[in-house]
Amino acid sequence: MKMSSRKRSLGQGMTEYIIIVALIAIAAITVYTLFGKTIRGQVGGLAEELSGQDASATIGVAQGEATTAAAEGSVDKKMGTYNNTQ
């Protein structure tokens, strides 16, 4: 029994949708991996400031993590160096 062209195109559309969602998830995980500590530090600093406390230390930690993330982002990574840690 032949599959109709409409069913085939619906299946193709679903496959494309799944691929796009997977690529977005990979991008989100990558961004969170690089900038997660920075974002948590900044949100923590904002919460401390809103509660009336001094958040200089927390914001300093967030700035340090941002510097680390920027350095990590500028490292040239290839398949040969993928699993190497620095």
C-alpha atoms as a PDB file:
ATOM      1  CA  MET A   1       0.000   0.000   0.000  1.00  0.00           C
ATOM      2  CA  LYS A   2       1.423   3.363  -1.046  1.00  0.00           C
ATOM      3  CA  MET A   3       1.828   6.161   1.466  1.00  0.00           C
ATOM      4  CA  SER A   4       0.106   9.303   0.313  1.00  0.00           C
ATOM      5  CA  SER A   5       2.194  12.344  -0.516  1.00  0.00           C
ATOM      6  CA  ARG A   6       0.426  14.360   2.200  1.00  0.00           C
ATOM      7  CA  LYS A   7       1.469  11.925   4.953  1.00  0.00           C
ATOM      8  CA  ARG A   8       5.011  11.918   3.659  1.00  0.00           C
ATOM      9  CA  SER A   9       5.234  15.712   3.710  1.00  0.00           C
ATOM     10  CA  LEU A  10       3.785  15.845   7.238  1.00  0.00           C
ATOM     11  CA  GLY A  11       6.422  13.383   8.404  1.00  0.00           C
ATOM     12  CA  GLN A  12       9.145  15.421   6.717  1.00  0.00           C
ATOM     13  CA  GLY A  13       7.895  18.599   8.417  1.00  0.00           C
ATOM     14  CA  MET A  14       7.947  16.895  11.820  1.00  0.00           C
ATOM     15  CA  THR A  15      11.485  15.646  11.239  1.00  0.00           C
ATOM     16  CA  GLU A  16      12.648  19.149  10.322  1.00  0.00           C
ATOM     17  CA  TYR A  17      10.926  20.545  13.408  1.00  0.00           C
ATOM     18  CA  ILE A  18      12.696  17.999  15.640  1.00  0.00           C
ATOM     19  CA  ILE A  19      16.080  18.885  14.099  1.00  0.00           C
ATOM     20  CA  ILE A  20      15.484  22.611  14.667  1.00  0.00           C
ATOM     21  CA  VAL A  21      14.434  22.028  18.281  1.00  0.00           C
ATOM     22  CA  ALA A  22      17.534  19.891  18.867  1.00  0.00           C
ATOM     23  CA  LEU A  23      19.817  22.600  17.436  1.00  0.00           C
ATOM     24  CA  ILE A  24      18.182  25.244  19.641  1.00  0.00           C
ATOM     25  CA  ALA A  25      18.630  22.986  22.682  1.00  0.00           C
ATOM     26  CA  ILE A  26      22.323  22.475  21.877  1.00  0.00           C
ATOM     27  CA  ALA A  27      22.812  26.234  21.487  1.00  0.00           C
ATOM     28  CA  ALA A  28      21.034  26.897  24.807  1.00  0.00           C
ATOM     29  CA  ILE A  29      23.168  24.312  26.613  1.00  0.00           C
ATOM     30  CA  THR A  30      26.326  25.846  25.150  1.00  0.00           C
ATOM     31  CA  VAL A  31      25.360  29.369  26.220  1.00  0.00           C
ATOM     32  CA  TYR A  32      24.421  28.161  29.694  1.00  0.00           C
ATOM     33  CA  THR A  33      27.703  26.261  29.990  1.00  0.00           C
ATOM     34  CA  LEU A  34      29.735  29.334  29.052  1.00  0.00           C
ATOM     35  CA  PHE A  35      27.759  32.012  30.890  1.00  0.00           C
ATOM     36  CA  GLY A  36      25.774  30.145  33.590  1.00  0.00           C
ATOM     37  CA  LYS A  37      28.000  31.155  36.502  1.00  0.00           C
ATOM     38  CA  THR A  38      28.069  34.758  35.302  1.00  0.00           C
ATOM     39  CA  ILE A  39      24.288  34.972  35.027  1.00  0.00           C
ATOM     40  CA  ARG A  40      23.769  33.334  38.424  1.00  0.00           C
ATOM     41  CA  GLY A  41      26.282  35.736  39.979  1.00  0.00           C
ATOM     42  CA  GLN A  42      24.630  38.786  38.455  1.00  0.00           C
ATOM     43  CA  VAL A  43      21.139  37.695  39.483  1.00  0.00           C
ATOM     44  CA  GLY A  44      22.440  36.969  43.000  1.00  0.00           C
ATOM     45  CA  GLY A  45      24.031  40.425  43.131  1.00  0.00           C
ATOM     46  CA  LEU A  46      20.802  42.061  42.007  1.00  0.00           C
ATOM     47  CA  ALA A  47      18.866  40.170  44.673  1.00  0.00           C
ATOM     48  CA  GLU A  48      21.323  41.292  47.350  1.00  0.00           C
ATOM     49  CA  GLU A  49      21.126  44.921  46.208  1.00  0.00           C
ATOM     50  CA  LEU A  50      17.320  44.801  46.167  1.00  0.00           C
ATOM     51  CA  SER A  51      17.322  43.484  49.729  1.00  0.00           C
ATOM     52  CA  GLY A  52      19.514  46.391  50.828  1.00  0.00           C
ATOM     53  CA  GLN A  53      22.775  44.473  51.213  1.00  0.00           C
ATOM     54  CA  ASP A  54      26.139  45.281  49.645  1.00  0.00           C
ATOM     55  CA  ALA A  55      26.665  43.025  46.631  1.00  0.00           C
ATOM     56  CA  SER A  56      30.189  44.108  45.678  1.00  0.00           C
ATOM     57  CA  ALA A  57      31.678  40.666  46.360  1.00  0.00           C
ATOM     58  CA  THR A  58      28.965  38.810  44.447  1.00  0.00           C
ATOM     59  CA  ILE A  59      29.213  41.127  41.462  1.00  0.00           C
ATOM     60  CA  GLY A  60      33.015  40.805  41.562  1.00  0.00           C
ATOM     61  CA  VAL A  61      32.667  37.038  41.324  1.00  0.00           C
ATOM     62  CA  ALA A  62      30.284  37.457  38.377  1.00  0.00           C
ATOM     63  CA  GLN A  63      32.810  39.714  36.628  1.00  0.00           C
ATOM     64  CA  GLY A  64      35.538  37.134  37.179  1.00  0.00           C
ATOM     65  CA  GLU A  65      33.356  34.401  35.721  1.00  0.00           C
ATOM     66  CA  ALA A  66      32.556  36.624  32.729  1.00  0.00           C
ATOM     67  CA  THR A  67      36.282  37.066  32.103  1.00  0.00           C
ATOM     68  CA  THR A  68      36.801  33.309  32.347  1.00  0.00           C
ATOM     69  CA  ALA A  69      33.897  32.685  29.932  1.00  0.00           C
ATOM     70  CA  ALA A  70      35.309  35.202  27.448  1.00  0.00           C
ATOM     71  CA  ALA A  71      38.733  33.540  27.590  1.00  0.00           C
ATOM     72  CA  GLU A  72      37.179  30.095  27.144  1.00  0.00           C
ATOM     73  CA  GLY A  73      35.133  31.347  24.207  1.00  0.00           C
ATOM     74  CA  SER A  74      38.193  32.645  22.404  1.00  0.00           C
ATOM     75  CA  VAL A  75      40.082  29.324  22.576  1.00  0.00           C
ATOM     76  CA  ASP A  76      40.333  27.624  19.187  1.00  0.00           C
ATOM     77  CA  LYS A  77      38.764  24.185  19.498  1.00  0.00           C
ATOM     78  CA  LYS A  78      39.008  21.512  16.874  1.00  0.00           C
ATOM     79  CA  MET A  79      38.206  17.839  16.853  1.00  0.00           C
ATOM     80  CA  GLY A  80      41.796  17.000  17.837  1.00  0.00           C
ATOM     81  CA  THR A  81      41.663  19.215  20.941  1.00  0.00           C
ATOM     82  CA  TYR A  82      38.018  18.648  21.827  1.00  0.00           C
ATOM     83  CA  ASN A  83      38.560  16.492  24.909  1.00  0.00           C
ATOM     84  CA  ASN A  84      41.700  18.254  26.168  1.00  0.00           C
ATOM     85  CA  THR A  85      41.358  20.431  29.253  1.00  0.00           C
ATOM     86  CA  GLN A  86      43.398  23.534  29.844  1.00  0.00           C
END
